[in-house]
Amino acid sequence: MSSAGGFVHITINGQVYRPVAEVEVEETNFSAEAVTNQDGSVQRTVQPKPFKVKLTLRDVEGQSIARALYEAESFDFSGVEREMKRRVIMTGAFATGEPSRNTANGEISGIEICGGDQDIQDI
């Protein structure tokens, strides 16, 4: 039995959205890669990157949440993983990526939320 699941709150210009969403949380603000040196030895290189959350939203009637995300200069994002007893918070976040809407199933994918600060809390 899966122990994952939760809900998302996004605050844009004081308006709180609670979309039905699938969320992928990138846990670090760096990426690591293995490289091979000329002598055959192997090392790890590390590159900084922003904290990132990938969203897939369900389209609903009314104003497009995806459009509001991209039009906002910055916003606050929180996702609560209810069953895992964790909360992910990003303040001063902004949207990147190329969102697209699947009209057959109502999914809006390709949304990335980036920020310099991310806090993962036990609740």
PDB file of N, CA and C in Angstrom:
ATOM      1  N   MET A   1       0.834  -1.179   0.000  1.00  0.00           N
ATOM      2  CA  MET A   1       0.000   0.000   0.000  1.00  0.00           C
ATOM      3  C   MET A   1       0.878   1.241   0.000  1.00  0.00           C
ATOM      4  N   SER A   2       0.564   2.196  -0.848  1.00  0.00           N
ATOM      5  CA  SER A   2       1.349   3.413  -0.957  1.00  0.00           C
ATOM      6  C   SER A   2       1.152   4.303   0.261  1.00  0.00           C
ATOM      7  N   SER A   3       2.245   4.938   0.686  1.00  0.00           N
ATOM      8  CA  SER A   3       2.143   5.879   1.795  1.00  0.00           C
ATOM      9  C   SER A   3       2.377   7.302   1.311  1.00  0.00           C
ATOM     10  N   ALA A   4       2.200   7.552   0.029  1.00  0.00           N
ATOM     11  CA  ALA A   4       2.388   8.886  -0.528  1.00  0.00           C
ATOM     12  C   ALA A   4       1.031   9.545  -0.724  1.00  0.00           C
ATOM     13  N   GLY A   5       1.049  10.842  -0.899  1.00  0.00           N
ATOM     14  CA  GLY A   5      -0.180  11.573  -1.183  1.00  0.00           C
ATOM     15  C   GLY A   5      -0.257  12.822  -0.347  1.00  0.00           C
ATOM     16  N   GLY A   6      -0.983  13.796  -0.845  1.00  0.00           N
ATOM     17  CA  GLY A   6      -1.110  15.050  -0.115  1.00  0.00           C
ATOM     18  C   GLY A   6      -1.857  16.071  -0.921  1.00  0.00           C
ATOM     19  N   PHE A   7      -1.559  17.341  -0.667  1.00  0.00           N
ATOM     20  CA  PHE A   7      -2.239  18.415  -1.387  1.00  0.00           C
ATOM     21  C   PHE A   7      -1.311  19.597  -1.553  1.00  0.00           C
ATOM     22  N   VAL A   8      -1.686  20.507  -2.450  1.00  0.00           N
ATOM     23  CA  VAL A   8      -0.862  21.646  -2.834  1.00  0.00           C
ATOM     24  C   VAL A   8      -1.616  22.940  -2.568  1.00  0.00           C
ATOM     25  N   HIS A   9      -0.918  23.945  -2.038  1.00  0.00           N
ATOM     26  CA  HIS A   9      -1.428  25.313  -1.915  1.00  0.00           C
ATOM     27  C   HIS A   9      -0.461  26.217  -2.656  1.00  0.00           C
ATOM     28  N   ILE A  10      -0.985  27.080  -3.505  1.00  0.00           N
ATOM     29  CA  ILE A  10      -0.163  28.070  -4.196  1.00  0.00           C
ATOM     30  C   ILE A  10      -0.804  29.424  -3.966  1.00  0.00           C
ATOM     31  N   THR A  11      -0.036  30.382  -3.455  1.00  0.00           N
ATOM     32  CA  THR A  11      -0.546  31.729  -3.215  1.00  0.00           C
ATOM     33  C   THR A  11       0.063  32.671  -4.235  1.00  0.00           C
ATOM     34  N   ILE A  12      -0.795  33.266  -5.068  1.00  0.00           N
ATOM     35  CA  ILE A  12      -0.368  34.219  -6.094  1.00  0.00           C
ATOM     36  C   ILE A  12      -1.093  35.527  -5.842  1.00  0.00           C
ATOM     37  N   ASN A  13      -0.332  36.575  -5.535  1.00  0.00           N
ATOM     38  CA  ASN A  13      -0.907  37.897  -5.268  1.00  0.00           C
ATOM     39  C   ASN A  13      -2.063  37.832  -4.273  1.00  0.00           C
ATOM     40  N   GLY A  14      -1.882  37.070  -3.191  1.00  0.00           N
ATOM     41  CA  GLY A  14      -2.894  36.977  -2.142  1.00  0.00           C
ATOM     42  C   GLY A  14      -3.994  35.970  -2.407  1.00  0.00           C
ATOM     43  N   GLN A  15      -4.110  35.469  -3.627  1.00  0.00           N
ATOM     44  CA  GLN A  15      -5.126  34.478  -3.983  1.00  0.00           C
ATOM     45  C   GLN A  15      -4.565  33.076  -3.748  1.00  0.00           C
ATOM     46  N   VAL A  16      -5.261  32.270  -2.946  1.00  0.00           N
ATOM     47  CA  VAL A  16      -4.813  30.904  -2.663  1.00  0.00           C
ATOM     48  C   VAL A  16      -5.490  29.944  -3.631  1.00  0.00           C
ATOM     49  N   TYR A  17      -4.682  29.142  -4.301  1.00  0.00           N
ATOM     50  CA  TYR A  17      -5.177  28.110  -5.210  1.00  0.00           C
ATOM     51  C   TYR A  17      -4.887  26.752  -4.568  1.00  0.00           C
ATOM     52  N   ARG A  18      -5.820  25.832  -4.715  1.00  0.00           N
ATOM     53  CA  ARG A  18      -5.654  24.471  -4.222  1.00  0.00           C
ATOM     54  C   ARG A  18      -5.940  23.516  -5.373  1.00  0.00           C
ATOM     55  N   PRO A  19      -5.042  23.468  -6.350  1.00  0.00           N
ATOM     56  CA  PRO A  19      -5.319  22.646  -7.530  1.00  0.00           C
ATOM     57  C   PRO A  19      -5.139  21.157  -7.259  1.00  0.00           C
ATOM     58  N   VAL A  20      -5.803  20.360  -8.074  1.00  0.00           N
ATOM     59  CA  VAL A  20      -5.520  18.931  -8.100  1.00  0.00           C
ATOM     60  C   VAL A  20      -4.238  18.812  -8.906  1.00  0.00           C
ATOM     61  N   ALA A  21      -3.185  18.274  -8.292  1.00  0.00           N
ATOM     62  CA  ALA A  21      -1.885  18.281  -8.943  1.00  0.00           C
ATOM     63  C   ALA A  21      -1.060  17.064  -8.570  1.00  0.00           C
ATOM     64  N   GLU A  22      -0.198  16.679  -9.485  1.00  0.00           N
ATOM     65  CA  GLU A  22       0.842  15.698  -9.209  1.00  0.00           C
ATOM     66  C   GLU A  22       2.130  16.490  -9.088  1.00  0.00           C
ATOM     67  N   VAL A  23       2.908  16.224  -8.045  1.00  0.00           N
ATOM     68  CA  VAL A  23       4.087  17.022  -7.741  1.00  0.00           C
ATOM     69  C   VAL A  23       5.318  16.129  -7.670  1.00  0.00           C
ATOM     70  N   GLU A  24       6.398  16.558  -8.326  1.00  0.00           N
ATOM     71  CA  GLU A  24       7.704  15.920  -8.192  1.00  0.00           C
ATOM     72  C   GLU A  24       8.635  16.937  -7.565  1.00  0.00           C
ATOM     73  N   VAL A  25       9.213  16.611  -6.413  1.00  0.00           N
ATOM     74  CA  VAL A  25      10.092  17.525  -5.692  1.00  0.00           C
ATOM     75  C   VAL A  25      11.538  17.115  -5.933  1.00  0.00           C
ATOM     76  N   GLU A  26      12.330  18.040  -6.474  1.00  0.00           N
ATOM     77  CA  GLU A  26      13.766  17.807  -6.574  1.00  0.00           C
ATOM     78  C   GLU A  26      14.359  18.190  -5.227  1.00  0.00           C
ATOM     79  N   GLU A  27      14.990  17.247  -4.573  1.00  0.00           N
ATOM     80  CA  GLU A  27      15.381  17.375  -3.167  1.00  0.00           C
ATOM     81  C   GLU A  27      16.593  18.270  -2.914  1.00  0.00           C
ATOM     82  N   THR A  28      17.409  18.546  -3.921  1.00  0.00           N
ATOM     83  CA  THR A  28      18.629  19.319  -3.696  1.00  0.00           C
ATOM     84  C   THR A  28      18.716  20.502  -4.663  1.00  0.00           C
ATOM     85  N   ASN A  29      19.627  21.418  -4.364  1.00  0.00           N
ATOM     86  CA  ASN A  29      19.890  22.538  -5.274  1.00  0.00           C
ATOM     87  C   ASN A  29      21.246  22.365  -5.953  1.00  0.00           C
ATOM     88  N   PHE A  30      21.589  21.126  -6.250  1.00  0.00           N
ATOM     89  CA  PHE A  30      22.786  20.822  -7.029  1.00  0.00           C
ATOM     90  C   PHE A  30      22.554  19.527  -7.794  1.00  0.00           C
ATOM     91  N   SER A  31      23.330  19.353  -8.860  1.00  0.00           N
ATOM     92  CA  SER A  31      23.312  18.084  -9.586  1.00  0.00           C
ATOM     93  C   SER A  31      24.727  17.529  -9.561  1.00  0.00           C
ATOM     94  N   ALA A  32      24.846  16.220  -9.572  1.00  0.00           N
ATOM     95  CA  ALA A  32      26.146  15.555  -9.522  1.00  0.00           C
ATOM     96  C   ALA A  32      26.254  14.601 -10.700  1.00  0.00           C
ATOM     97  N   GLU A  33      27.462  14.504 -11.221  1.00  0.00           N
ATOM     98  CA  GLU A  33      27.704  13.653 -12.377  1.00  0.00           C
ATOM     99  C   GLU A  33      29.067  12.983 -12.221  1.00  0.00           C
ATOM    100  N   ALA A  34      29.178  11.752 -12.673  1.00  0.00           N
ATOM    101  CA  ALA A  34      30.459  11.050 -12.670  1.00  0.00           C
ATOM    102  C   ALA A  34      31.207  11.406 -13.952  1.00  0.00           C
ATOM    103  N   VAL A  35      32.508  11.680 -13.829  1.00  0.00           N
ATOM    104  CA  VAL A  35      33.360  11.970 -14.985  1.00  0.00           C
ATOM    105  C   VAL A  35      34.616  11.115 -14.883  1.00  0.00           C
ATOM    106  N   THR A  36      35.167  10.796 -16.037  1.00  0.00           N
ATOM    107  CA  THR A  36      36.398  10.018 -16.089  1.00  0.00           C
ATOM    108  C   THR A  36      37.532  10.937 -16.513  1.00  0.00           C
ATOM    109  N   ASN A  37      38.616  10.941 -15.740  1.00  0.00           N
ATOM    110  CA  ASN A  37      39.793  11.747 -16.048  1.00  0.00           C
ATOM    111  C   ASN A  37      40.641  11.060 -17.117  1.00  0.00           C
ATOM    112  N   GLN A  38      41.615  11.768 -17.651  1.00  0.00           N
ATOM    113  CA  GLN A  38      42.491  11.227 -18.697  1.00  0.00           C
ATOM    114  C   GLN A  38      43.235   9.972 -18.239  1.00  0.00           C
ATOM    115  N   ASP A  39      43.517   9.878 -16.941  1.00  0.00           N
ATOM    116  CA  ASP A  39      44.251   8.716 -16.423  1.00  0.00           C
ATOM    117  C   ASP A  39      43.335   7.539 -16.086  1.00  0.00           C
ATOM    118  N   GLY A  40      42.027   7.679 -16.361  1.00  0.00           N
ATOM    119  CA  GLY A  40      41.077   6.601 -16.112  1.00  0.00           C
ATOM    120  C   GLY A  40      40.425   6.643 -14.744  1.00  0.00           C
ATOM    121  N   SER A  41      40.880   7.541 -13.889  1.00  0.00           N
ATOM    122  CA  SER A  41      40.248   7.646 -12.568  1.00  0.00           C
ATOM    123  C   SER A  41      38.882   8.322 -12.711  1.00  0.00           C
ATOM    124  N   VAL A  42      38.010   8.030 -11.778  1.00  0.00           N
ATOM    125  CA  VAL A  42      36.646   8.540 -11.825  1.00  0.00           C
ATOM    126  C   VAL A  42      36.437   9.510 -10.669  1.00  0.00           C
ATOM    127  N   GLN A  43      35.792  10.617 -10.969  1.00  0.00           N
ATOM    128  CA  GLN A  43      35.467  11.609  -9.956  1.00  0.00           C
ATOM    129  C   GLN A  43      34.040  12.084 -10.143  1.00  0.00           C
ATOM    130  N   ARG A  44      33.584  12.850  -9.181  1.00  0.00           N
ATOM    131  CA  ARG A  44      32.248  13.432  -9.235  1.00  0.00           C
ATOM    132  C   ARG A  44      32.374  14.937  -9.406  1.00  0.00           C
ATOM    133  N   THR A  45      31.574  15.491 -10.316  1.00  0.00           N
ATOM    134  CA  THR A  45      31.474  16.937 -10.444  1.00  0.00           C
ATOM    135  C   THR A  45      30.099  17.361  -9.943  1.00  0.00           C
ATOM    136  N   VAL A  46      30.049  18.528  -9.336  1.00  0.00           N
ATOM    137  CA  VAL A  46      28.806  19.032  -8.767  1.00  0.00           C
ATOM    138  C   VAL A  46      28.538  20.414  -9.335  1.00  0.00           C
ATOM    139  N   GLN A  47      27.309  20.634  -9.792  1.00  0.00           N
ATOM    140  CA  GLN A  47      26.901  21.920 -10.348  1.00  0.00           C
ATOM    141  C   GLN A  47      25.722  22.459  -9.552  1.00  0.00           C
ATOM    142  N   PRO A  48      25.740  23.745  -9.196  1.00  0.00           N
ATOM    143  CA  PRO A  48      24.576  24.316  -8.510  1.00  0.00           C
ATOM    144  C   PRO A  48      23.398  24.465  -9.466  1.00  0.00           C
ATOM    145  N   LYS A  49      22.198  24.409  -8.923  1.00  0.00           N
ATOM    146  CA  LYS A  49      20.976  24.627  -9.690  1.00  0.00           C
ATOM    147  C   LYS A  49      19.906  25.118  -8.725  1.00  0.00           C
ATOM    148  N   PRO A  50      18.843  25.697  -9.221  1.00  0.00           N
ATOM    149  CA  PRO A  50      17.789  26.141  -8.300  1.00  0.00           C
ATOM    150  C   PRO A  50      17.009  24.949  -7.747  1.00  0.00           C
ATOM    151  N   PHE A  51      16.411  25.144  -6.568  1.00  0.00           N
ATOM    152  CA  PHE A  51      15.446  24.160  -6.092  1.00  0.00           C
ATOM    153  C   PHE A  51      14.299  24.142  -7.091  1.00  0.00           C
ATOM    154  N   LYS A  52      13.705  22.969  -7.303  1.00  0.00           N
ATOM    155  CA  LYS A  52      12.670  22.862  -8.328  1.00  0.00           C
ATOM    156  C   LYS A  52      11.594  21.877  -7.919  1.00  0.00           C
ATOM    157  N   VAL A  53      10.361  22.212  -8.266  1.00  0.00           N
ATOM    158  CA  VAL A  53       9.207  21.333  -8.121  1.00  0.00           C
ATOM    159  C   VAL A  53       8.557  21.252  -9.486  1.00  0.00           C
ATOM    160  N   LYS A  54       8.266  20.046  -9.943  1.00  0.00           N
ATOM    161  CA  LYS A  54       7.586  19.857 -11.226  1.00  0.00           C
ATOM    162  C   LYS A  54       6.118  19.559 -10.949  1.00  0.00           C
ATOM    163  N   LEU A  55       5.230  20.284 -11.651  1.00  0.00           N
ATOM    164  CA  LEU A  55       3.788  20.141 -11.437  1.00  0.00           C
ATOM    165  C   LEU A  55       3.099  19.610 -12.676  1.00  0.00           C
ATOM    166  N   THR A  56       2.114  18.764 -12.468  1.00  0.00           N
ATOM    167  CA  THR A  56       1.139  18.406 -13.491  1.00  0.00           C
ATOM    168  C   THR A  56      -0.214  18.725 -12.867  1.00  0.00           C
ATOM    169  N   LEU A  57      -0.937  19.671 -13.462  1.00  0.00           N
ATOM    170  CA  LEU A  57      -2.219  20.131 -12.929  1.00  0.00           C
ATOM    171  C   LEU A  57      -3.374  19.539 -13.702  1.00  0.00           C
ATOM    172  N   ARG A  58      -4.534  19.475 -13.077  1.00  0.00           N
ATOM    173  CA  ARG A  58      -5.761  19.130 -13.777  1.00  0.00           C
ATOM    174  C   ARG A  58      -6.454  20.424 -14.150  1.00  0.00           C
ATOM    175  N   ASP A  59      -6.787  20.578 -15.423  1.00  0.00           N
ATOM    176  CA  ASP A  59      -7.459  21.780 -15.903  1.00  0.00           C
ATOM    177  C   ASP A  59      -8.866  21.852 -15.309  1.00  0.00           C
ATOM    178  N   VAL A  60      -9.276  23.061 -14.929  1.00  0.00           N
ATOM    179  CA  VAL A  60     -10.606  23.292 -14.376  1.00  0.00           C
ATOM    180  C   VAL A  60     -11.206  24.511 -15.064  1.00  0.00           C
ATOM    181  N   GLU A  61     -12.523  24.657 -14.936  1.00  0.00           N
ATOM    182  CA  GLU A  61     -13.191  25.824 -15.508  1.00  0.00           C
ATOM    183  C   GLU A  61     -12.712  27.093 -14.826  1.00  0.00           C
ATOM    184  N   GLY A  62     -12.835  28.195 -15.523  1.00  0.00           N
ATOM    185  CA  GLY A  62     -12.439  29.483 -14.952  1.00  0.00           C
ATOM    186  C   GLY A  62     -11.022  29.838 -15.327  1.00  0.00           C
ATOM    187  N   GLN A  63     -10.436  30.743 -14.535  1.00  0.00           N
ATOM    188  CA  GLN A  63      -9.092  31.237 -14.819  1.00  0.00           C
ATOM    189  C   GLN A  63      -8.086  30.096 -14.790  1.00  0.00           C
ATOM    190  N   SER A  64      -7.165  30.124 -15.724  1.00  0.00           N
ATOM    191  CA  SER A  64      -6.116  29.118 -15.798  1.00  0.00           C
ATOM    192  C   SER A  64      -5.095  29.349 -14.693  1.00  0.00           C
ATOM    193  N   ILE A  65      -4.921  28.365 -13.812  1.00  0.00           N
ATOM    194  CA  ILE A  65      -3.911  28.464 -12.767  1.00  0.00           C
ATOM    195  C   ILE A  65      -2.526  28.506 -13.407  1.00  0.00           C
ATOM    196  N   ALA A  66      -2.326  27.713 -14.455  1.00  0.00           N
ATOM    197  CA  ALA A  66      -1.027  27.705 -15.131  1.00  0.00           C
ATOM    198  C   ALA A  66      -0.694  29.100 -15.656  1.00  0.00           C
ATOM    199  N   ARG A  67      -1.653  29.768 -16.280  1.00  0.00           N
ATOM    200  CA  ARG A  67      -1.413  31.118 -16.799  1.00  0.00           C
ATOM    201  C   ARG A  67      -1.087  32.077 -15.656  1.00  0.00           C
ATOM    202  N   ALA A  68      -1.802  31.968 -14.531  1.00  0.00           N
ATOM    203  CA  ALA A  68      -1.543  32.835 -13.376  1.00  0.00           C
ATOM    204  C   ALA A  68      -0.131  32.607 -12.837  1.00  0.00           C
ATOM    205  N   LEU A  69       0.334  31.352 -12.824  1.00  0.00           N
ATOM    206  CA  LEU A  69       1.689  31.058 -12.368  1.00  0.00           C
ATOM    207  C   LEU A  69       2.733  31.777 -13.212  1.00  0.00           C
ATOM    208  N   TYR A  70       2.550  31.750 -14.523  1.00  0.00           N
ATOM    209  CA  TYR A  70       3.538  32.330 -15.434  1.00  0.00           C
ATOM    210  C   TYR A  70       3.444  33.850 -15.509  1.00  0.00           C
ATOM    211  N   GLU A  71       2.277  34.403 -15.227  1.00  0.00           N
ATOM    212  CA  GLU A  71       2.130  35.857 -15.252  1.00  0.00           C
ATOM    213  C   GLU A  71       2.633  36.502 -13.965  1.00  0.00           C
ATOM    214  N   ALA A  72       2.691  35.747 -12.866  1.00  0.00           N
ATOM    215  CA  ALA A  72       3.128  36.291 -11.579  1.00  0.00           C
ATOM    216  C   ALA A  72       4.650  36.451 -11.565  1.00  0.00           C
ATOM    217  N   GLU A  73       5.107  37.561 -11.002  1.00  0.00           N
ATOM    218  CA  GLU A  73       6.554  37.766 -10.863  1.00  0.00           C
ATOM    219  C   GLU A  73       7.137  36.756  -9.876  1.00  0.00           C
ATOM    220  N   SER A  74       6.431  36.548  -8.768  1.00  0.00           N
ATOM    221  CA  SER A  74       6.827  35.522  -7.800  1.00  0.00           C
ATOM    222  C   SER A  74       5.601  35.145  -6.973  1.00  0.00           C
ATOM    223  N   PHE A  75       5.683  34.012  -6.293  1.00  0.00           N
ATOM    224  CA  PHE A  75       4.569  33.534  -5.480  1.00  0.00           C
ATOM    225  C   PHE A  75       5.105  32.562  -4.448  1.00  0.00           C
ATOM    226  N   ASP A  76       4.251  32.181  -3.521  1.00  0.00           N
ATOM    227  CA  ASP A  76       4.602  31.204  -2.500  1.00  0.00           C
ATOM    228  C   ASP A  76       3.958  29.867  -2.847  1.00  0.00           C
ATOM    229  N   PHE A  77       4.698  28.801  -2.645  1.00  0.00           N
ATOM    230  CA  PHE A  77       4.234  27.453  -2.954  1.00  0.00           C
ATOM    231  C   PHE A  77       4.404  26.587  -1.717  1.00  0.00           C
ATOM    232  N   SER A  78       3.394  25.805  -1.398  1.00  0.00           N
ATOM    233  CA  SER A  78       3.563  24.783  -0.366  1.00  0.00           C
ATOM    234  C   SER A  78       2.825  23.526  -0.788  1.00  0.00           C
ATOM    235  N   GLY A  79       3.464  22.424  -0.551  1.00  0.00           N
ATOM    236  CA  GLY A  79       2.868  21.131  -0.811  1.00  0.00           C
ATOM    237  C   GLY A  79       2.947  20.305   0.449  1.00  0.00           C
ATOM    238  N   VAL A  80       1.846  19.728   0.872  1.00  0.00           N
ATOM    239  CA  VAL A  80       1.818  18.905   2.078  1.00  0.00           C
ATOM    240  C   VAL A  80       1.682  17.447   1.655  1.00  0.00           C
ATOM    241  N   GLU A  81       2.671  16.663   2.040  1.00  0.00           N
ATOM    242  CA  GLU A  81       2.612  15.225   1.820  1.00  0.00           C
ATOM    243  C   GLU A  81       1.999  14.635   3.087  1.00  0.00           C
ATOM    244  N   ARG A  82       0.683  14.563   3.091  1.00  0.00           N
ATOM    245  CA  ARG A  82      -0.074  14.199   4.289  1.00  0.00           C
ATOM    246  C   ARG A  82       0.361  12.852   4.863  1.00  0.00           C
ATOM    247  N   GLU A  83       0.455  11.840   4.046  1.00  0.00           N
ATOM    248  CA  GLU A  83       0.779  10.504   4.531  1.00  0.00           C
ATOM    249  C   GLU A  83       2.238  10.381   4.963  1.00  0.00           C
ATOM    250  N   MET A  84       3.121  11.183   4.362  1.00  0.00           N
ATOM    251  CA  MET A  84       4.544  11.146   4.711  1.00  0.00           C
ATOM    252  C   MET A  84       4.869  12.111   5.844  1.00  0.00           C
ATOM    253  N   LYS A  85       3.866  12.930   6.225  1.00  0.00           N
ATOM    254  CA  LYS A  85       4.029  13.913   7.303  1.00  0.00           C
ATOM    255  C   LYS A  85       5.158  14.898   7.018  1.00  0.00           C
ATOM    256  N   ARG A  86       5.115  15.455   5.780  1.00  0.00           N
ATOM    257  CA  ARG A  86       6.119  16.420   5.351  1.00  0.00           C
ATOM    258  C   ARG A  86       5.456  17.587   4.645  1.00  0.00           C
ATOM    259  N   ARG A  87       6.114  18.740   4.711  1.00  0.00           N
ATOM    260  CA  ARG A  87       5.650  19.931   3.991  1.00  0.00           C
ATOM    261  C   ARG A  87       6.842  20.500   3.222  1.00  0.00           C
ATOM    262  N   VAL A  88       6.601  20.842   1.950  1.00  0.00           N
ATOM    263  CA  VAL A  88       7.602  21.497   1.116  1.00  0.00           C
ATOM    264  C   VAL A  88       7.146  22.938   0.919  1.00  0.00           C
ATOM    265  N   ILE A  89       8.015  23.876   1.265  1.00  0.00           N
ATOM    266  CA  ILE A  89       7.677  25.302   1.142  1.00  0.00           C
ATOM    267  C   ILE A  89       8.714  25.989   0.267  1.00  0.00           C
ATOM    268  N   MET A  90       8.242  26.765  -0.702  1.00  0.00           N
ATOM    269  CA  MET A  90       9.112  27.612  -1.511  1.00  0.00           C
ATOM    270  C   MET A  90       8.514  29.011  -1.493  1.00  0.00           C
ATOM    271  N   THR A  91       9.279  29.988  -1.035  1.00  0.00           N
ATOM    272  CA  THR A  91       8.820  31.377  -1.048  1.00  0.00           C
ATOM    273  C   THR A  91       9.571  32.125  -2.135  1.00  0.00           C
ATOM    274  N   GLY A  92       8.926  33.136  -2.689  1.00  0.00           N
ATOM    275  CA  GLY A  92       9.550  33.889  -3.774  1.00  0.00           C
ATOM    276  C   GLY A  92       9.809  33.020  -4.995  1.00  0.00           C
ATOM    277  N   ALA A  93       8.953  32.044  -5.214  1.00  0.00           N
ATOM    278  CA  ALA A  93       9.124  31.111  -6.327  1.00  0.00           C
ATOM    279  C   ALA A  93       8.622  31.732  -7.631  1.00  0.00           C
ATOM    280  N   PHE A  94       9.011  31.124  -8.743  1.00  0.00           N
ATOM    281  CA  PHE A  94       8.542  31.568 -10.051  1.00  0.00           C
ATOM    282  C   PHE A  94       8.439  30.362 -10.978  1.00  0.00           C
ATOM    283  N   ALA A  95       7.641  30.510 -12.030  1.00  0.00           N
ATOM    284  CA  ALA A  95       7.388  29.398 -12.951  1.00  0.00           C
ATOM    285  C   ALA A  95       8.351  29.439 -14.131  1.00  0.00           C
ATOM    286  N   THR A  96       8.825  28.253 -14.525  1.00  0.00           N
ATOM    287  CA  THR A  96       9.630  28.089 -15.727  1.00  0.00           C
ATOM    288  C   THR A  96       9.073  26.887 -16.487  1.00  0.00           C
ATOM    289  N   GLY A  97       9.668  26.570 -17.620  1.00  0.00           N
ATOM    290  CA  GLY A  97       9.225  25.425 -18.409  1.00  0.00           C
ATOM    291  C   GLY A  97       8.238  25.850 -19.479  1.00  0.00           C
ATOM    292  N   GLU A  98       7.716  24.871 -20.183  1.00  0.00           N
ATOM    293  CA  GLU A  98       6.777  25.107 -21.279  1.00  0.00           C
ATOM    294  C   GLU A  98       5.508  24.307 -21.031  1.00  0.00           C
ATOM    295  N   PRO A  99       4.511  24.945 -20.407  1.00  0.00           N
ATOM    296  CA  PRO A  99       3.288  24.201 -20.093  1.00  0.00           C
ATOM    297  C   PRO A  99       2.486  23.874 -21.352  1.00  0.00           C
ATOM    298  N   SER A 100       1.869  22.702 -21.318  1.00  0.00           N
ATOM    299  CA  SER A 100       0.967  22.321 -22.399  1.00  0.00           C
ATOM    300  C   SER A 100      -0.226  21.591 -21.811  1.00  0.00           C
ATOM    301  N   ARG A 101      -1.389  21.748 -22.452  1.00  0.00           N
ATOM    302  CA  ARG A 101      -2.634  21.173 -21.960  1.00  0.00           C
ATOM    303  C   ARG A 101      -3.084  20.054 -22.876  1.00  0.00           C
ATOM    304  N   ASN A 102      -3.329  18.889 -22.302  1.00  0.00           N
ATOM    305  CA  ASN A 102      -3.858  17.744 -23.033  1.00  0.00           C
ATOM    306  C   ASN A 102      -5.373  17.833 -22.950  1.00  0.00           C
ATOM    307  N   THR A 103      -6.037  18.085 -24.072  1.00  0.00           N
ATOM    308  CA  THR A 103      -7.491  18.268 -24.055  1.00  0.00           C
ATOM    309  C   THR A 103      -8.239  16.955 -23.869  1.00  0.00           C
ATOM    310  N   ALA A 104      -7.581  15.811 -24.051  1.00  0.00           N
ATOM    311  CA  ALA A 104      -8.248  14.520 -23.863  1.00  0.00           C
ATOM    312  C   ALA A 104      -8.424  14.177 -22.389  1.00  0.00           C
ATOM    313  N   ASN A 105      -7.409  14.498 -21.568  1.00  0.00           N
ATOM    314  CA  ASN A 105      -7.504  14.121 -20.156  1.00  0.00           C
ATOM    315  C   ASN A 105      -7.470  15.318 -19.202  1.00  0.00           C
ATOM    316  N   GLY A 106      -7.290  16.533 -19.716  1.00  0.00           N
ATOM    317  CA  GLY A 106      -7.309  17.731 -18.883  1.00  0.00           C
ATOM    318  C   GLY A 106      -6.026  18.013 -18.124  1.00  0.00           C
ATOM    319  N   GLU A 107      -4.955  17.265 -18.410  1.00  0.00           N
ATOM    320  CA  GLU A 107      -3.697  17.507 -17.714  1.00  0.00           C
ATOM    321  C   GLU A 107      -2.939  18.680 -18.327  1.00  0.00           C
ATOM    322  N   ILE A 108      -2.375  19.510 -17.453  1.00  0.00           N
ATOM    323  CA  ILE A 108      -1.461  20.567 -17.876  1.00  0.00           C
ATOM    324  C   ILE A 108      -0.104  20.177 -17.326  1.00  0.00           C
ATOM    325  N   SER A 109       0.839  19.866 -18.205  1.00  0.00           N
ATOM    326  CA  SER A 109       2.162  19.393 -17.784  1.00  0.00           C
ATOM    327  C   SER A 109       3.235  20.363 -18.264  1.00  0.00           C
ATOM    328  N   GLY A 110       4.470  20.101 -17.872  1.00  0.00           N
ATOM    329  CA  GLY A 110       5.597  20.937 -18.291  1.00  0.00           C
ATOM    330  C   GLY A 110       5.809  22.160 -17.412  1.00  0.00           C
ATOM    331  N   ILE A 111       5.141  22.214 -16.257  1.00  0.00           N
ATOM    332  CA  ILE A 111       5.266  23.352 -15.343  1.00  0.00           C
ATOM    333  C   ILE A 111       6.360  23.047 -14.328  1.00  0.00           C
ATOM    334  N   GLU A 112       7.284  23.978 -14.185  1.00  0.00           N
ATOM    335  CA  GLU A 112       8.334  23.863 -13.184  1.00  0.00           C
ATOM    336  C   GLU A 112       8.285  25.091 -12.287  1.00  0.00           C
ATOM    337  N   ILE A 113       8.346  24.868 -10.997  1.00  0.00           N
ATOM    338  CA  ILE A 113       8.376  25.945 -10.013  1.00  0.00           C
ATOM    339  C   ILE A 113       9.793  25.990  -9.457  1.00  0.00           C
ATOM    340  N   CYS A 114      10.459  27.132  -9.583  1.00  0.00           N
ATOM    341  CA  CYS A 114      11.835  27.279  -9.129  1.00  0.00           C
ATOM    342  C   CYS A 114      11.932  28.333  -8.059  1.00  0.00           C
ATOM    343  N   GLY A 115      12.930  28.200  -7.210  1.00  0.00           N
ATOM    344  CA  GLY A 115      13.182  29.194  -6.187  1.00  0.00           C
ATOM    345  C   GLY A 115      14.541  29.002  -5.568  1.00  0.00           C
ATOM    346  N   GLY A 116      15.049  30.036  -4.937  1.00  0.00           N
ATOM    347  CA  GLY A 116      16.342  29.959  -4.279  1.00  0.00           C
ATOM    348  C   GLY A 116      16.266  29.305  -2.926  1.00  0.00           C
ATOM    349  N   ASP A 117      15.090  29.331  -2.306  1.00  0.00           N
ATOM    350  CA  ASP A 117      14.919  28.760  -0.970  1.00  0.00           C
ATOM    351  C   ASP A 117      13.829  27.698  -0.990  1.00  0.00           C
ATOM    352  N   GLN A 118      14.146  26.572  -0.388  1.00  0.00           N
ATOM    353  CA  GLN A 118      13.176  25.488  -0.229  1.00  0.00           C
ATOM    354  C   GLN A 118      13.342  24.929   1.167  1.00  0.00           C
ATOM    355  N   ASP A 119      12.254  24.686   1.833  1.00  0.00           N
ATOM    356  CA  ASP A 119      12.293  24.130   3.169  1.00  0.00           C
ATOM    357  C   ASP A 119      11.403  22.896   3.194  1.00  0.00           C
ATOM    358  N   ILE A 120      11.941  21.797   3.629  1.00  0.00           N
ATOM    359  CA  ILE A 120      11.162  20.561   3.784  1.00  0.00           C
ATOM    360  C   ILE A 120      11.038  20.324   5.285  1.00  0.00           C
ATOM    361  N   GLN A 121       9.796  20.352   5.784  1.00  0.00           N
ATOM    362  CA  GLN A 121       9.553  20.265   7.224  1.00  0.00           C
ATOM    363  C   GLN A 121       8.781  19.005   7.560  1.00  0.00           C
ATOM    364  N   ASP A 122       9.063  18.451   8.726  1.00  0.00           N
ATOM    365  CA  ASP A 122       8.235  17.373   9.276  1.00  0.00           C
ATOM    366  C   ASP A 122       7.023  18.024   9.922  1.00  0.00           C
ATOM    367  N   ILE A 123       5.842  17.421   9.724  1.00  0.00           N
ATOM    368  CA  ILE A 123       4.625  17.972  10.336  1.00  0.00           C
ATOM    369  C   ILE A 123       3.956  16.929  11.199  1.00  0.00           C
TER     370      ILE A 123
END
